[in-house]
Amino acid sequence: MEHHSCDEERKMDQYNRILFVCESGTARSPMAVGILKDFELKHPVDIESRGMVVLFPEPINQKVEAVLISNGVATNDFMSVQLTEEDFTMDTLILTMEYIQKEKILEKYENVIPENLHVLTELVGDELEILDPYGGTLQSYGLCYETMRKSIQKLVNLLNED
């Protein structure tokens, strides 16, 4: 799925906020936030993380934190936040890690704007989803980081296109 219409390319600069979404909001989405904030963007955007199921705020997964720190990426005082109807605005790009999350969001939220909702890897033309390293070794989290960084580099290129 590598076809991008001109509209889609042109629209990338309409976003003032990017939300990365994963299941718990404690691993892949904060990792994505940390990585994207590490890049230089032409248009300043708010970059935040959301979870599909956040019963109470939790800190970032320790393995994710270790991987980010070892790659020189700041984690700050991160706490997970539940995705809500208020998150769906015209100027918010919502990026999920897996297709199933995109499907669940389309089913569950009334305010969702389908053209603003994408699977990260699908949007940038990568084939595989960013799979959940939960329960895996530190090495599997490191691999997740490497894969995600490549996709986010492509996202940055899209965002920085004039």
N, C-alpha and C. Protein backbone atom coordinates (compact mmCIF):
# COMPACT_ATOMS: atom_id res chain seq x y z
N MET A 1 0.84 -1.19 0.00
CA MET A 1 0.00 0.00 0.00
C MET A 1 0.88 1.24 0.00
N GLU A 2 1.56 1.48 -1.09
CA GLU A 2 2.50 2.59 -1.11
C GLU A 2 1.94 3.80 -1.85
N HIS A 3 0.69 3.72 -2.28
CA HIS A 3 0.14 4.83 -3.05
C HIS A 3 -0.31 5.95 -2.14
N HIS A 4 0.21 7.14 -2.39
CA HIS A 4 -0.23 8.32 -1.65
C HIS A 4 -0.79 9.29 -2.66
N SER A 5 -1.99 9.79 -2.40
CA SER A 5 -2.53 10.80 -3.29
C SER A 5 -1.87 12.13 -2.94
N CYS A 6 -1.94 13.07 -3.86
CA CYS A 6 -1.36 14.39 -3.59
C CYS A 6 -2.04 15.04 -2.39
N ASP A 7 -3.34 14.81 -2.28
CA ASP A 7 -4.09 15.36 -1.15
C ASP A 7 -3.47 14.94 0.17
N GLU A 8 -3.15 13.64 0.25
CA GLU A 8 -2.63 13.11 1.50
C GLU A 8 -1.29 13.76 1.83
N GLU A 9 -0.44 13.91 0.83
CA GLU A 9 0.86 14.52 1.05
C GLU A 9 0.69 15.97 1.50
N ARG A 10 -0.22 16.67 0.82
CA ARG A 10 -0.40 18.09 1.11
C ARG A 10 -0.99 18.29 2.49
N LYS A 11 -1.82 17.36 2.89
CA LYS A 11 -2.53 17.49 4.16
C LYS A 11 -1.65 17.31 5.38
N MET A 12 -0.47 16.74 5.23
CA MET A 12 0.35 16.43 6.40
C MET A 12 0.66 17.67 7.24
N ASP A 13 0.70 18.85 6.61
CA ASP A 13 1.04 20.04 7.39
C ASP A 13 -0.18 20.67 8.07
N GLN A 14 -1.36 20.04 7.90
CA GLN A 14 -2.55 20.56 8.59
C GLN A 14 -2.60 20.07 10.04
N TYR A 15 -1.75 19.11 10.38
CA TYR A 15 -1.81 18.54 11.72
C TYR A 15 -0.99 19.36 12.71
N ASN A 16 -1.66 19.71 13.82
CA ASN A 16 -0.96 20.41 14.90
C ASN A 16 -0.65 19.47 16.06
N ARG A 17 -1.22 18.24 15.95
CA ARG A 17 -1.01 17.28 17.01
C ARG A 17 -0.93 15.88 16.43
N ILE A 18 -0.01 15.10 16.97
CA ILE A 18 0.10 13.69 16.58
C ILE A 18 -0.07 12.85 17.83
N LEU A 19 -1.00 11.91 17.78
CA LEU A 19 -1.20 10.98 18.88
C LEU A 19 -0.78 9.59 18.43
N PHE A 20 0.14 8.98 19.17
CA PHE A 20 0.48 7.59 18.93
C PHE A 20 -0.35 6.75 19.89
N VAL A 21 -0.94 5.68 19.39
CA VAL A 21 -1.81 4.85 20.21
C VAL A 21 -1.31 3.42 20.23
N CYS A 22 -1.23 2.84 21.43
CA CYS A 22 -0.98 1.40 21.57
C CYS A 22 -1.94 0.86 22.62
N GLU A 23 -1.86 -0.42 22.89
CA GLU A 23 -2.83 -1.07 23.77
C GLU A 23 -2.89 -0.44 25.17
N SER A 24 -1.76 -0.48 25.88
CA SER A 24 -1.74 -0.02 27.28
C SER A 24 -1.33 1.44 27.41
N GLY A 25 -0.73 1.98 26.35
CA GLY A 25 -0.23 3.35 26.42
C GLY A 25 1.04 3.48 27.24
N THR A 26 1.70 2.35 27.54
CA THR A 26 2.92 2.42 28.36
C THR A 26 4.17 1.95 27.63
N ALA A 27 4.04 1.42 26.41
CA ALA A 27 5.22 0.87 25.75
C ALA A 27 5.45 1.46 24.36
N ARG A 28 4.74 0.94 23.36
CA ARG A 28 5.02 1.40 21.99
C ARG A 28 4.68 2.86 21.75
N SER A 29 3.54 3.33 22.28
CA SER A 29 3.19 4.74 21.99
C SER A 29 4.14 5.73 22.65
N PRO A 30 4.51 5.56 23.94
CA PRO A 30 5.51 6.50 24.48
C PRO A 30 6.87 6.37 23.81
N MET A 31 7.19 5.15 23.35
CA MET A 31 8.45 4.95 22.61
C MET A 31 8.40 5.79 21.33
N ALA A 32 7.27 5.73 20.63
CA ALA A 32 7.11 6.50 19.39
C ALA A 32 7.20 8.00 19.65
N VAL A 33 6.59 8.46 20.74
CA VAL A 33 6.65 9.88 21.11
C VAL A 33 8.11 10.30 21.32
N GLY A 34 8.83 9.50 22.10
CA GLY A 34 10.24 9.80 22.37
C GLY A 34 11.06 9.89 21.10
N ILE A 35 10.82 8.92 20.18
CA ILE A 35 11.58 8.89 18.93
C ILE A 35 11.26 10.10 18.06
N LEU A 36 9.95 10.40 17.89
CA LEU A 36 9.57 11.52 17.02
C LEU A 36 10.09 12.84 17.57
N LYS A 37 10.07 13.00 18.89
CA LYS A 37 10.55 14.25 19.49
C LYS A 37 12.06 14.41 19.31
N ASP A 38 12.72 13.30 18.99
CA ASP A 38 14.16 13.30 18.77
C ASP A 38 14.53 13.87 17.40
N PHE A 39 13.53 13.98 16.51
CA PHE A 39 13.76 14.49 15.16
C PHE A 39 13.41 15.97 15.07
N GLU A 40 13.95 16.60 14.05
CA GLU A 40 13.67 18.01 13.77
C GLU A 40 12.47 18.11 12.83
N LEU A 41 11.42 18.79 13.27
CA LEU A 41 10.24 18.95 12.41
C LEU A 41 10.13 20.41 11.95
N LYS A 42 9.75 20.60 10.69
CA LYS A 42 9.59 21.96 10.15
C LYS A 42 8.44 22.69 10.82
N HIS A 43 7.32 21.99 10.97
CA HIS A 43 6.15 22.59 11.62
C HIS A 43 6.05 22.00 13.02
N PRO A 44 6.04 22.86 14.04
CA PRO A 44 5.94 22.32 15.40
C PRO A 44 4.59 21.63 15.60
N VAL A 45 4.62 20.44 16.17
CA VAL A 45 3.39 19.73 16.48
C VAL A 45 3.47 19.20 17.91
N ASP A 46 2.31 19.10 18.57
CA ASP A 46 2.27 18.44 19.87
C ASP A 46 2.30 16.94 19.60
N ILE A 47 3.15 16.24 20.32
CA ILE A 47 3.29 14.79 20.12
C ILE A 47 2.95 14.12 21.43
N GLU A 48 1.90 13.31 21.41
CA GLU A 48 1.42 12.69 22.64
C GLU A 48 1.15 11.20 22.45
N SER A 49 0.97 10.53 23.58
CA SER A 49 0.72 9.10 23.59
C SER A 49 -0.63 8.82 24.22
N ARG A 50 -1.33 7.82 23.68
CA ARG A 50 -2.62 7.39 24.24
C ARG A 50 -2.65 5.87 24.29
N GLY A 51 -3.44 5.36 25.24
CA GLY A 51 -3.65 3.92 25.33
C GLY A 51 -5.09 3.58 25.01
N MET A 52 -5.31 2.37 24.46
CA MET A 52 -6.67 1.92 24.16
C MET A 52 -7.38 1.55 25.47
N VAL A 53 -6.62 0.97 26.41
CA VAL A 53 -7.19 0.54 27.68
C VAL A 53 -6.29 1.03 28.81
N VAL A 54 -6.63 2.19 29.38
CA VAL A 54 -5.86 2.74 30.50
C VAL A 54 -6.84 2.91 31.67
N LEU A 55 -6.78 1.98 32.61
CA LEU A 55 -7.72 2.05 33.74
C LEU A 55 -7.26 3.08 34.76
N PHE A 56 -5.94 3.25 34.87
CA PHE A 56 -5.37 4.28 35.73
C PHE A 56 -4.00 4.63 35.15
N PRO A 57 -3.53 5.85 35.39
CA PRO A 57 -2.24 6.26 34.81
C PRO A 57 -1.10 5.38 35.31
N GLU A 58 -0.28 4.92 34.37
CA GLU A 58 0.87 4.10 34.73
C GLU A 58 2.13 4.70 34.11
N PRO A 59 3.28 4.51 34.75
CA PRO A 59 4.52 5.00 34.16
C PRO A 59 4.92 4.17 32.95
N ILE A 60 5.87 4.67 32.22
CA ILE A 60 6.39 3.99 31.03
C ILE A 60 6.97 2.62 31.42
N ASN A 61 6.78 1.66 30.56
CA ASN A 61 7.35 0.32 30.73
C ASN A 61 8.87 0.44 30.94
N GLN A 62 9.40 -0.27 31.94
CA GLN A 62 10.81 -0.11 32.31
C GLN A 62 11.77 -0.51 31.19
N LYS A 63 11.40 -1.53 30.43
CA LYS A 63 12.27 -1.95 29.32
C LYS A 63 12.28 -0.90 28.21
N VAL A 64 11.11 -0.30 27.97
CA VAL A 64 11.04 0.79 26.98
C VAL A 64 11.91 1.95 27.45
N GLU A 65 11.80 2.28 28.73
CA GLU A 65 12.59 3.37 29.28
C GLU A 65 14.09 3.09 29.13
N ALA A 66 14.48 1.86 29.41
CA ALA A 66 15.90 1.46 29.29
C ALA A 66 16.39 1.61 27.86
N VAL A 67 15.57 1.16 26.91
CA VAL A 67 15.94 1.24 25.48
C VAL A 67 16.05 2.70 25.04
N LEU A 68 15.08 3.52 25.46
CA LEU A 68 15.11 4.93 25.07
C LEU A 68 16.35 5.63 25.66
N ILE A 69 16.60 5.39 26.93
CA ILE A 69 17.75 6.02 27.59
C ILE A 69 19.06 5.58 26.91
N SER A 70 19.15 4.30 26.59
CA SER A 70 20.38 3.81 25.95
C SER A 70 20.57 4.39 24.55
N ASN A 71 19.47 4.88 23.95
CA ASN A 71 19.56 5.53 22.64
C ASN A 71 19.56 7.06 22.75
N GLY A 72 19.71 7.55 23.98
CA GLY A 72 19.80 8.99 24.18
C GLY A 72 18.49 9.73 24.00
N VAL A 73 17.38 9.03 24.16
CA VAL A 73 16.07 9.66 23.98
C VAL A 73 15.44 9.93 25.35
N ALA A 74 14.98 11.16 25.55
CA ALA A 74 14.41 11.55 26.83
C ALA A 74 13.04 10.92 27.06
N THR A 75 12.75 10.51 28.29
CA THR A 75 11.44 9.92 28.60
C THR A 75 10.61 10.82 29.52
N ASN A 76 11.24 11.76 30.21
CA ASN A 76 10.54 12.67 31.13
C ASN A 76 9.70 11.90 32.15
N ASP A 77 8.71 12.56 32.72
CA ASP A 77 7.87 11.89 33.73
C ASP A 77 6.61 11.42 33.06
N PHE A 78 6.74 10.37 32.28
CA PHE A 78 5.63 9.90 31.47
C PHE A 78 4.59 9.13 32.28
N MET A 79 3.31 9.41 32.02
CA MET A 79 2.22 8.59 32.56
C MET A 79 1.24 8.29 31.42
N SER A 80 0.70 7.07 31.41
CA SER A 80 -0.22 6.69 30.34
C SER A 80 -1.54 7.44 30.44
N VAL A 81 -2.16 7.68 29.28
CA VAL A 81 -3.41 8.44 29.20
C VAL A 81 -4.39 7.69 28.29
N GLN A 82 -5.63 7.59 28.71
CA GLN A 82 -6.67 6.92 27.93
C GLN A 82 -7.06 7.75 26.72
N LEU A 83 -7.22 7.10 25.57
CA LEU A 83 -7.76 7.73 24.37
C LEU A 83 -9.23 8.06 24.62
N THR A 84 -9.65 9.29 24.28
CA THR A 84 -11.05 9.67 24.50
C THR A 84 -11.63 10.32 23.24
N GLU A 85 -12.94 10.51 23.25
CA GLU A 85 -13.63 11.15 22.10
C GLU A 85 -13.04 12.54 21.81
N GLU A 86 -12.60 13.24 22.87
CA GLU A 86 -12.07 14.61 22.70
C GLU A 86 -10.75 14.62 21.92
N ASP A 87 -10.10 13.45 21.82
CA ASP A 87 -8.82 13.38 21.11
C ASP A 87 -8.97 13.49 19.60
N PHE A 88 -10.18 13.27 19.09
CA PHE A 88 -10.38 13.26 17.64
C PHE A 88 -10.77 14.65 17.16
N THR A 89 -9.76 15.40 16.70
CA THR A 89 -10.02 16.74 16.15
C THR A 89 -9.48 16.77 14.73
N MET A 90 -9.92 17.75 13.96
CA MET A 90 -9.52 17.86 12.55
C MET A 90 -8.01 17.96 12.39
N ASP A 91 -7.34 18.59 13.37
CA ASP A 91 -5.90 18.82 13.22
C ASP A 91 -5.05 17.79 13.98
N THR A 92 -5.69 16.65 14.34
CA THR A 92 -4.96 15.60 15.05
C THR A 92 -4.78 14.37 14.18
N LEU A 93 -3.54 13.99 14.00
CA LEU A 93 -3.21 12.75 13.27
C LEU A 93 -3.07 11.64 14.31
N ILE A 94 -3.84 10.57 14.14
CA ILE A 94 -3.82 9.45 15.09
C ILE A 94 -3.14 8.27 14.43
N LEU A 95 -2.08 7.79 15.07
CA LEU A 95 -1.31 6.68 14.51
C LEU A 95 -1.31 5.48 15.45
N THR A 96 -1.84 4.37 14.96
CA THR A 96 -1.84 3.15 15.76
C THR A 96 -0.64 2.28 15.36
N MET A 97 -0.37 1.27 16.18
CA MET A 97 0.74 0.37 15.91
C MET A 97 0.31 -0.84 15.09
N GLU A 98 -0.97 -1.21 15.22
CA GLU A 98 -1.49 -2.41 14.55
C GLU A 98 -2.84 -2.12 13.90
N TYR A 99 -3.17 -2.91 12.88
CA TYR A 99 -4.45 -2.75 12.19
C TYR A 99 -5.63 -2.97 13.12
N ILE A 100 -5.51 -3.94 14.02
CA ILE A 100 -6.61 -4.26 14.94
C ILE A 100 -6.97 -3.05 15.81
N GLN A 101 -5.95 -2.25 16.17
CA GLN A 101 -6.21 -1.05 16.99
C GLN A 101 -6.98 -0.02 16.17
N LYS A 102 -6.60 0.13 14.91
CA LYS A 102 -7.31 1.05 14.02
C LYS A 102 -8.77 0.63 13.90
N GLU A 103 -9.00 -0.67 13.70
CA GLU A 103 -10.36 -1.20 13.58
C GLU A 103 -11.17 -0.92 14.85
N LYS A 104 -10.56 -1.19 16.00
CA LYS A 104 -11.26 -0.98 17.29
C LYS A 104 -11.63 0.49 17.46
N ILE A 105 -10.73 1.39 17.09
CA ILE A 105 -11.01 2.83 17.22
C ILE A 105 -12.18 3.22 16.32
N LEU A 106 -12.18 2.71 15.08
CA LEU A 106 -13.27 3.03 14.15
C LEU A 106 -14.61 2.52 14.68
N GLU A 107 -14.59 1.37 15.37
CA GLU A 107 -15.82 0.81 15.92
C GLU A 107 -16.28 1.54 17.17
N LYS A 108 -15.33 1.91 18.03
CA LYS A 108 -15.66 2.35 19.38
C LYS A 108 -15.94 3.85 19.51
N TYR A 109 -15.30 4.67 18.69
CA TYR A 109 -15.38 6.12 18.87
C TYR A 109 -16.23 6.79 17.81
N GLU A 110 -17.18 7.59 18.25
CA GLU A 110 -18.08 8.28 17.32
C GLU A 110 -17.41 9.45 16.63
N ASN A 111 -16.49 10.11 17.34
CA ASN A 111 -15.89 11.34 16.80
C ASN A 111 -14.71 11.09 15.86
N VAL A 112 -14.36 9.83 15.65
CA VAL A 112 -13.17 9.53 14.86
C VAL A 112 -13.31 10.08 13.43
N ILE A 113 -12.22 10.66 12.94
CA ILE A 113 -12.18 11.17 11.57
C ILE A 113 -11.32 10.18 10.78
N PRO A 114 -11.97 9.28 10.01
CA PRO A 114 -11.24 8.15 9.41
C PRO A 114 -9.99 8.54 8.62
N GLU A 115 -10.05 9.68 7.92
CA GLU A 115 -8.86 10.05 7.13
C GLU A 115 -7.70 10.56 7.99
N ASN A 116 -7.95 10.80 9.28
CA ASN A 116 -6.87 11.22 10.19
C ASN A 116 -6.32 10.05 11.01
N LEU A 117 -6.85 8.86 10.76
CA LEU A 117 -6.48 7.68 11.53
C LEU A 117 -5.72 6.70 10.64
N HIS A 118 -4.50 6.38 11.04
CA HIS A 118 -3.67 5.48 10.23
C HIS A 118 -2.89 4.52 11.11
N VAL A 119 -2.53 3.38 10.52
CA VAL A 119 -1.51 2.53 11.14
C VAL A 119 -0.19 3.18 10.74
N LEU A 120 0.69 3.42 11.71
CA LEU A 120 1.96 4.11 11.44
C LEU A 120 2.68 3.53 10.23
N THR A 121 2.90 2.22 10.24
CA THR A 121 3.69 1.61 9.16
C THR A 121 2.98 1.68 7.82
N GLU A 122 1.64 1.59 7.82
CA GLU A 122 0.86 1.69 6.59
C GLU A 122 1.01 3.08 5.98
N LEU A 123 0.93 4.10 6.83
CA LEU A 123 1.03 5.48 6.37
C LEU A 123 2.36 5.75 5.67
N VAL A 124 3.43 5.18 6.20
CA VAL A 124 4.76 5.48 5.65
C VAL A 124 5.20 4.46 4.60
N GLY A 125 4.34 3.47 4.32
CA GLY A 125 4.65 2.51 3.26
C GLY A 125 5.48 1.32 3.70
N ASP A 126 5.56 1.06 5.02
CA ASP A 126 6.23 -0.15 5.50
C ASP A 126 5.22 -1.28 5.57
N GLU A 127 5.70 -2.51 5.40
CA GLU A 127 4.76 -3.62 5.31
C GLU A 127 4.25 -4.13 6.64
N LEU A 128 5.13 -4.27 7.61
CA LEU A 128 4.73 -4.92 8.86
C LEU A 128 4.26 -3.93 9.91
N GLU A 129 3.40 -4.41 10.80
CA GLU A 129 2.96 -3.59 11.92
C GLU A 129 4.10 -3.55 12.95
N ILE A 130 3.99 -2.62 13.90
CA ILE A 130 4.95 -2.59 15.01
C ILE A 130 4.37 -3.48 16.10
N LEU A 131 4.89 -4.68 16.23
CA LEU A 131 4.30 -5.64 17.15
C LEU A 131 4.70 -5.35 18.60
N ASP A 132 3.84 -5.78 19.50
CA ASP A 132 4.01 -5.53 20.92
C ASP A 132 5.12 -6.40 21.49
N PRO A 133 6.18 -5.80 22.03
CA PRO A 133 7.27 -6.61 22.60
C PRO A 133 6.97 -7.06 24.03
N TYR A 134 5.74 -6.77 24.52
CA TYR A 134 5.41 -7.03 25.92
C TYR A 134 5.75 -8.45 26.35
N GLY A 135 6.42 -8.55 27.49
CA GLY A 135 6.79 -9.86 28.00
C GLY A 135 8.06 -10.41 27.38
N GLY A 136 8.59 -9.69 26.39
CA GLY A 136 9.80 -10.14 25.72
C GLY A 136 11.06 -9.67 26.44
N THR A 137 12.19 -10.03 25.87
CA THR A 137 13.48 -9.63 26.44
C THR A 137 13.76 -8.17 26.13
N LEU A 138 14.75 -7.63 26.81
CA LEU A 138 15.19 -6.26 26.53
C LEU A 138 15.57 -6.15 25.05
N GLN A 139 16.15 -7.22 24.52
CA GLN A 139 16.56 -7.25 23.12
C GLN A 139 15.36 -7.09 22.18
N SER A 140 14.23 -7.72 22.54
CA SER A 140 13.05 -7.59 21.68
C SER A 140 12.50 -6.16 21.72
N TYR A 141 12.66 -5.49 22.86
CA TYR A 141 12.26 -4.08 22.94
C TYR A 141 13.22 -3.22 22.10
N GLY A 142 14.49 -3.60 22.10
CA GLY A 142 15.48 -2.89 21.29
C GLY A 142 15.17 -3.01 19.81
N LEU A 143 14.74 -4.21 19.42
CA LEU A 143 14.37 -4.47 18.03
C LEU A 143 13.14 -3.65 17.64
N CYS A 144 12.19 -3.58 18.56
CA CYS A 144 10.98 -2.79 18.36
C CYS A 144 11.38 -1.32 18.12
N TYR A 145 12.31 -0.84 18.94
CA TYR A 145 12.80 0.54 18.82
C TYR A 145 13.41 0.77 17.43
N GLU A 146 14.29 -0.15 16.99
CA GLU A 146 14.95 -0.01 15.69
C GLU A 146 13.94 0.06 14.55
N THR A 147 12.97 -0.86 14.58
CA THR A 147 11.93 -0.92 13.54
C THR A 147 11.12 0.37 13.54
N MET A 148 10.72 0.79 14.73
CA MET A 148 9.89 1.98 14.86
C MET A 148 10.64 3.22 14.41
N ARG A 149 11.91 3.30 14.75
CA ARG A 149 12.70 4.48 14.37
C ARG A 149 12.76 4.62 12.85
N LYS A 150 12.88 3.51 12.14
CA LYS A 150 12.91 3.54 10.66
C LYS A 150 11.59 4.08 10.12
N SER A 151 10.48 3.60 10.69
CA SER A 151 9.16 4.07 10.23
C SER A 151 8.96 5.55 10.58
N ILE A 152 9.42 5.95 11.75
CA ILE A 152 9.23 7.34 12.17
C ILE A 152 10.12 8.28 11.36
N GLN A 153 11.27 7.80 10.94
CA GLN A 153 12.12 8.60 10.04
C GLN A 153 11.34 8.90 8.75
N LYS A 154 10.61 7.91 8.24
CA LYS A 154 9.80 8.11 7.03
C LYS A 154 8.64 9.07 7.32
N LEU A 155 8.07 8.96 8.52
CA LEU A 155 6.99 9.86 8.92
C LEU A 155 7.51 11.30 8.95
N VAL A 156 8.70 11.50 9.51
CA VAL A 156 9.32 12.83 9.57
C VAL A 156 9.50 13.38 8.16
N ASN A 157 9.94 12.52 7.24
CA ASN A 157 10.10 12.96 5.84
C ASN A 157 8.76 13.42 5.25
N LEU A 158 7.69 12.69 5.56
CA LEU A 158 6.35 13.08 5.09
C LEU A 158 5.94 14.42 5.70
N LEU A 159 6.15 14.55 7.01
CA LEU A 159 5.75 15.77 7.70
C LEU A 159 6.55 16.98 7.24
N ASN A 160 7.80 16.75 6.86
CA ASN A 160 8.67 17.86 6.49
C ASN A 160 8.60 18.20 5.00
N GLU A 161 7.85 17.43 4.23
CA GLU A 161 7.69 17.76 2.81
C GLU A 161 6.89 19.04 2.70
N ASP A 162 7.29 19.89 1.78
CA ASP A 162 6.55 21.15 1.63
C ASP A 162 5.34 20.99 0.74
